[in-house]
């Protein structure tokens, strides 16, 4: 699960208090390979806030994830 479908359940589980940010991230990892920025987002979730990844995290994440994204275009 990647992209928004991976972030939304994690945010919901943390917001409702059903999971900690770390456990929500582990659930996301169990389903599929999230990007580095998705992992950062899930780990930084709080019950009343969600912190967007800083630009350096986004840049590294997209650079590392580029080959996988290019292969999925086929």
C-alpha atoms as a PDB file:
ATOM      1  CA  UNK A   1       0.000   0.000   0.000  1.00  0.00           C
ATOM      2  CA  UNK A   2       1.533   3.261  -0.969  1.00  0.00           C
ATOM      3  CA  UNK A   3       0.568   6.885  -1.349  1.00  0.00           C
ATOM      4  CA  UNK A   4      -2.599   8.214   0.199  1.00  0.00           C
ATOM      5  CA  UNK A   5      -4.172   4.773   0.731  1.00  0.00           C
ATOM      6  CA  UNK A   6      -1.274   3.946   3.055  1.00  0.00           C
ATOM      7  CA  UNK A   7      -1.315   7.235   4.931  1.00  0.00           C
ATOM      8  CA  UNK A   8      -5.061   7.485   5.538  1.00  0.00           C
ATOM      9  CA  UNK A   9      -5.457   4.293   7.575  1.00  0.00           C
ATOM     10  CA  UNK A  10      -2.343   5.144   9.600  1.00  0.00           C
ATOM     11  CA  UNK A  11      -3.654   8.634  10.336  1.00  0.00           C
ATOM     12  CA  UNK A  12      -7.076   7.245  11.274  1.00  0.00           C
ATOM     13  CA  UNK A  13      -5.661   4.591  13.602  1.00  0.00           C
ATOM     14  CA  UNK A  14      -3.440   7.109  15.408  1.00  0.00           C
ATOM     15  CA  UNK A  15      -6.160   9.768  15.560  1.00  0.00           C
ATOM     16  CA  UNK A  16      -8.661   7.371  17.123  1.00  0.00           C
ATOM     17  CA  UNK A  17      -6.073   6.077  19.578  1.00  0.00           C
ATOM     18  CA  UNK A  18      -6.284   2.516  18.241  1.00  0.00           C
ATOM     19  CA  UNK A  19      -2.579   2.425  17.317  1.00  0.00           C
ATOM     20  CA  UNK A  20       0.621   4.259  18.140  1.00  0.00           C
ATOM     21  CA  UNK A  21       2.472   5.966  15.269  1.00  0.00           C
ATOM     22  CA  UNK A  22       5.122   3.221  15.367  1.00  0.00           C
ATOM     23  CA  UNK A  23       2.560   0.395  15.178  1.00  0.00           C
ATOM     24  CA  UNK A  24       0.615   2.136  12.390  1.00  0.00           C
ATOM     25  CA  UNK A  25       3.893   2.398  10.458  1.00  0.00           C
ATOM     26  CA  UNK A  26       4.582  -1.311  10.977  1.00  0.00           C
ATOM     27  CA  UNK A  27       1.107  -2.134   9.647  1.00  0.00           C
ATOM     28  CA  UNK A  28       1.836  -0.011   6.584  1.00  0.00           C
ATOM     29  CA  UNK A  29       5.161  -1.825   6.071  1.00  0.00           C
ATOM     30  CA  UNK A  30       3.431  -5.217   6.345  1.00  0.00           C
ATOM     31  CA  UNK A  31       1.154  -4.413   3.403  1.00  0.00           C
ATOM     32  CA  UNK A  32       3.710  -3.043   0.962  1.00  0.00           C
ATOM     33  CA  UNK A  33       6.750  -0.849   0.471  1.00  0.00           C
ATOM     34  CA  UNK A  34       5.921   2.724   1.501  1.00  0.00           C
ATOM     35  CA  UNK A  35       8.217   5.562   0.546  1.00  0.00           C
ATOM     36  CA  UNK A  36      10.581   7.215   3.008  1.00  0.00           C
ATOM     37  CA  UNK A  37       8.308  10.249   3.207  1.00  0.00           C
ATOM     38  CA  UNK A  38       5.308   8.013   4.004  1.00  0.00           C
ATOM     39  CA  UNK A  39       7.283   6.365   6.803  1.00  0.00           C
ATOM     40  CA  UNK A  40       8.289   9.798   8.160  1.00  0.00           C
ATOM     41  CA  UNK A  41       4.671  10.989   7.989  1.00  0.00           C
ATOM     42  CA  UNK A  42       3.317   7.933   9.798  1.00  0.00           C
ATOM     43  CA  UNK A  43       5.979   8.074  12.518  1.00  0.00           C
ATOM     44  CA  UNK A  44       5.320  11.766  13.145  1.00  0.00           C
ATOM     45  CA  UNK A  45       1.542  11.394  13.493  1.00  0.00           C
ATOM     46  CA  UNK A  46      -0.102  12.623  16.648  1.00  0.00           C
ATOM     47  CA  UNK A  47      -3.667  12.351  17.875  1.00  0.00           C
ATOM     48  CA  UNK A  48      -4.328  15.982  16.958  1.00  0.00           C
ATOM     49  CA  UNK A  49      -1.742  16.752  14.296  1.00  0.00           C
ATOM     50  CA  UNK A  50       0.064  15.368  11.285  1.00  0.00           C
ATOM     51  CA  UNK A  51       3.452  16.774  10.333  1.00  0.00           C
ATOM     52  CA  UNK A  52       4.370  16.892   6.662  1.00  0.00           C
ATOM     53  CA  UNK A  53       7.877  15.653   5.830  1.00  0.00           C
ATOM     54  CA  UNK A  54      10.499  18.399   5.386  1.00  0.00           C
ATOM     55  CA  UNK A  55      11.824  19.088   1.901  1.00  0.00           C
ATOM     56  CA  UNK A  56      15.094  17.102   2.334  1.00  0.00           C
ATOM     57  CA  UNK A  57      13.113  13.988   3.337  1.00  0.00           C
ATOM     58  CA  UNK A  58      10.793  14.414   0.342  1.00  0.00           C
ATOM     59  CA  UNK A  59      13.735  14.896  -2.039  1.00  0.00           C
ATOM     60  CA  UNK A  60      15.645  11.838  -0.813  1.00  0.00           C
ATOM     61  CA  UNK A  61      12.479   9.760  -0.768  1.00  0.00           C
ATOM     62  CA  UNK A  62      11.580  10.596  -4.343  1.00  0.00           C
ATOM     63  CA  UNK A  63      15.138  10.042  -5.544  1.00  0.00           C
ATOM     64  CA  UNK A  64      15.319   6.610  -3.895  1.00  0.00           C
ATOM     65  CA  UNK A  65      11.805   5.667  -5.045  1.00  0.00           C
ATOM     66  CA  UNK A  66      12.262   6.826  -8.669  1.00  0.00           C
ATOM     67  CA  UNK A  67      13.387   3.467 -10.119  1.00  0.00           C
ATOM     68  CA  UNK A  68      10.403   1.624  -8.623  1.00  0.00           C
ATOM     69  CA  UNK A  69       8.009   4.264  -9.898  1.00  0.00           C
ATOM     70  CA  UNK A  70       9.534   4.137 -13.396  1.00  0.00           C
ATOM     71  CA  UNK A  71       9.072   0.324 -13.559  1.00  0.00           C
ATOM     72  CA  UNK A  72       5.422   0.647 -12.517  1.00  0.00           C
ATOM     73  CA  UNK A  73       4.614   2.741 -15.602  1.00  0.00           C
ATOM     74  CA  UNK A  74       4.725  -0.341 -17.813  1.00  0.00           C
END
